[in-house]
Amino acid sequence: MGFISEFKEFAMKGNLVDMAIAFVMGGAFGKVVTAFVEKMFAPIVGIIMGGIDLNDQKIVIKDGVAEIKDAAGTVITPAVAEVAIQWGAFITALIDFIIVAFVMFLIIKAINHMKKPAPAPAPTGPTQEELLGEIRDLLKK
């Protein structure tokens, strides 16, 4: 079996194709959840919190410094970026994660419910003939 045919057989196995489809679907679902949280959920939270954007909330640890140039355009003081804890972006990402995890839980629960084997039929009792035979044998004693 040649290298190409082995690769083709490997690539076409059901599990690999299923995993690739799941990966693409998961990426698309993640985008939908992110759009929901950022474009629908966060504005509502912002209105409740007094009109602020949740994603922009932060705690500034050290203020940034703007670049200073002289008249000739030479940089005298280079710019220093602000140091901040972006807690709003973290909360948004956490909400994304919780929604995705909950939906995955529901999907796995539904799949497991579908995979659950049907309950075994209850054991049947003795037939009428067997019961009558036992009664006859007991009466003979």
Protein backbone atom coordinates (compact mmCIF):
# COMPACT_ATOMS: atom_id res chain seq x y z
CA MET A 1 0.00 0.00 0.00
CA GLY A 2 1.50 3.30 -1.08
CA PHE A 3 2.04 6.33 1.08
CA ILE A 4 -0.65 8.35 -0.73
CA SER A 5 -3.26 5.62 -0.45
CA GLU A 6 -2.48 5.15 3.26
CA PHE A 7 -2.90 8.88 3.82
CA LYS A 8 -6.17 8.89 1.85
CA GLU A 9 -7.48 5.99 3.96
CA PHE A 10 -6.44 7.79 7.16
CA ALA A 11 -7.98 11.11 6.10
CA MET A 12 -11.26 9.55 5.08
CA LYS A 13 -11.83 7.64 8.30
CA GLY A 14 -15.11 8.64 9.89
CA ASN A 15 -13.61 9.89 13.14
CA LEU A 16 -11.21 12.31 11.49
CA VAL A 17 -13.86 13.75 9.18
CA ASP A 18 -16.31 14.03 12.10
CA MET A 19 -13.68 15.80 14.19
CA ALA A 20 -12.92 18.27 11.36
CA ILE A 21 -16.61 19.07 10.97
CA ALA A 22 -16.98 19.50 14.74
CA PHE A 23 -13.95 21.82 14.79
CA VAL A 24 -15.41 24.06 12.06
CA MET A 25 -18.85 24.05 13.68
CA GLY A 26 -17.32 24.87 17.07
CA GLY A 27 -15.47 27.84 15.61
CA ALA A 28 -18.63 29.14 13.99
CA PHE A 29 -20.62 28.61 17.18
CA GLY A 30 -17.97 30.47 19.16
CA LYS A 31 -18.33 33.46 16.83
CA VAL A 32 -22.11 33.41 17.28
CA VAL A 33 -21.78 33.34 21.07
CA THR A 34 -19.19 36.13 21.04
CA ALA A 35 -21.46 38.27 18.86
CA PHE A 36 -24.39 37.56 21.19
CA VAL A 37 -22.43 38.54 24.29
CA GLU A 38 -20.73 41.61 22.82
CA LYS A 39 -23.58 42.96 20.70
CA MET A 40 -26.69 41.96 22.68
CA PHE A 41 -25.83 41.03 26.27
CA ALA A 42 -23.11 43.60 27.04
CA PRO A 43 -25.18 46.63 25.93
CA ILE A 44 -28.01 45.57 28.25
CA VAL A 45 -25.52 45.20 31.12
CA GLY A 46 -24.10 48.60 30.13
CA ILE A 47 -27.52 50.23 30.36
CA ILE A 48 -28.10 48.64 33.77
CA MET A 49 -24.66 49.86 34.91
CA GLY A 50 -25.37 53.45 33.85
CA GLY A 51 -24.50 53.50 30.16
CA ILE A 52 -20.96 52.13 30.30
CA ASP A 53 -19.44 49.59 27.92
CA LEU A 54 -18.58 46.46 29.90
CA ASN A 55 -15.78 45.51 27.51
CA ASP A 56 -13.95 48.83 28.14
CA GLN A 57 -13.93 48.57 31.94
CA LYS A 58 -10.49 48.47 33.52
CA ILE A 59 -8.45 49.30 36.58
CA VAL A 60 -5.52 51.52 35.63
CA ILE A 61 -2.39 50.58 37.53
CA LYS A 62 -0.08 53.04 35.80
CA ASP A 63 -1.12 55.82 33.42
CA GLY A 64 0.38 55.91 29.97
CA VAL A 65 2.62 58.73 28.81
CA ALA A 66 2.19 60.35 25.41
CA GLU A 67 5.14 60.75 23.10
CA ILE A 68 6.74 64.19 23.29
CA LYS A 69 8.52 65.70 20.27
CA ASP A 70 10.41 68.94 19.85
CA ALA A 71 9.75 71.46 17.08
CA ALA A 72 12.01 69.54 14.68
CA GLY A 73 10.01 66.33 15.22
CA THR A 74 12.67 64.55 17.23
CA VAL A 75 11.28 62.33 19.95
CA ILE A 76 12.24 63.71 23.34
CA THR A 77 10.21 61.31 25.48
CA PRO A 78 8.99 58.04 23.99
CA ALA A 79 5.42 56.96 24.57
CA VAL A 80 4.76 54.55 27.43
CA ALA A 81 1.69 52.35 27.23
CA GLU A 82 -0.88 52.34 29.99
CA VAL A 83 -0.76 49.40 32.41
CA ALA A 84 -4.27 48.27 33.31
CA ILE A 85 -6.28 45.25 34.40
CA GLN A 86 -8.95 44.78 31.72
CA TRP A 87 -11.61 43.25 33.97
CA GLY A 88 -14.48 44.08 31.61
CA ALA A 89 -12.93 42.08 28.76
CA PHE A 90 -12.34 39.22 31.20
CA ILE A 91 -15.99 39.20 32.32
CA THR A 92 -17.10 39.23 28.67
CA ALA A 93 -14.83 36.26 27.87
CA LEU A 94 -16.06 34.45 30.99
CA ILE A 95 -19.69 34.90 29.90
CA ASP A 96 -18.73 33.55 26.45
CA PHE A 97 -17.16 30.50 28.07
CA ILE A 98 -20.13 29.82 30.35
CA ILE A 99 -22.58 29.97 27.43
CA VAL A 100 -20.45 27.67 25.24
CA ALA A 101 -19.89 25.22 28.12
CA PHE A 102 -23.61 25.13 28.94
CA VAL A 103 -24.62 24.51 25.33
CA MET A 104 -21.97 21.76 25.01
CA PHE A 105 -23.33 20.20 28.22
CA LEU A 106 -26.84 20.19 26.75
CA ILE A 107 -25.63 18.65 23.48
CA ILE A 108 -23.64 15.92 25.24
CA LYS A 109 -26.55 15.22 27.57
CA ALA A 110 -28.89 14.83 24.58
CA ILE A 111 -26.44 12.54 22.77
CA ASN A 112 -25.96 10.39 25.87
CA HIS A 113 -29.74 10.17 26.27
CA MET A 114 -30.07 8.98 22.67
CA LYS A 115 -27.25 6.43 23.14
CA LYS A 116 -28.78 4.99 26.31
CA PRO A 117 -29.74 1.39 25.59
CA ALA A 118 -33.39 0.47 25.79
CA PRO A 119 -34.26 -1.14 29.10
CA ALA A 120 -34.18 -4.92 29.03
CA PRO A 121 -37.62 -6.48 28.95
CA ALA A 122 -38.85 -7.61 32.33
CA PRO A 123 -38.36 -11.31 32.88
CA THR A 124 -41.55 -13.14 32.14
CA GLY A 125 -43.03 -15.35 34.80
CA PRO A 126 -43.91 -19.00 34.35
CA THR A 127 -46.54 -19.82 31.76
CA GLN A 128 -50.03 -20.94 32.68
CA GLU A 129 -49.17 -24.55 31.86
CA GLU A 130 -46.11 -24.46 34.12
CA LEU A 131 -48.15 -23.04 37.01
CA LEU A 132 -50.84 -25.68 36.55
CA GLY A 133 -48.17 -28.37 36.46
CA GLU A 134 -46.68 -27.09 39.74
CA ILE A 135 -50.13 -27.04 41.38
CA ARG A 136 -50.76 -30.58 40.17
CA ASP A 137 -47.42 -31.75 41.58
CA LEU A 138 -48.14 -30.08 44.93
CA LEU A 139 -51.59 -31.68 45.10
CA LYS A 140 -50.12 -35.11 44.40
CA LYS A 141 -47.93 -34.88 47.50
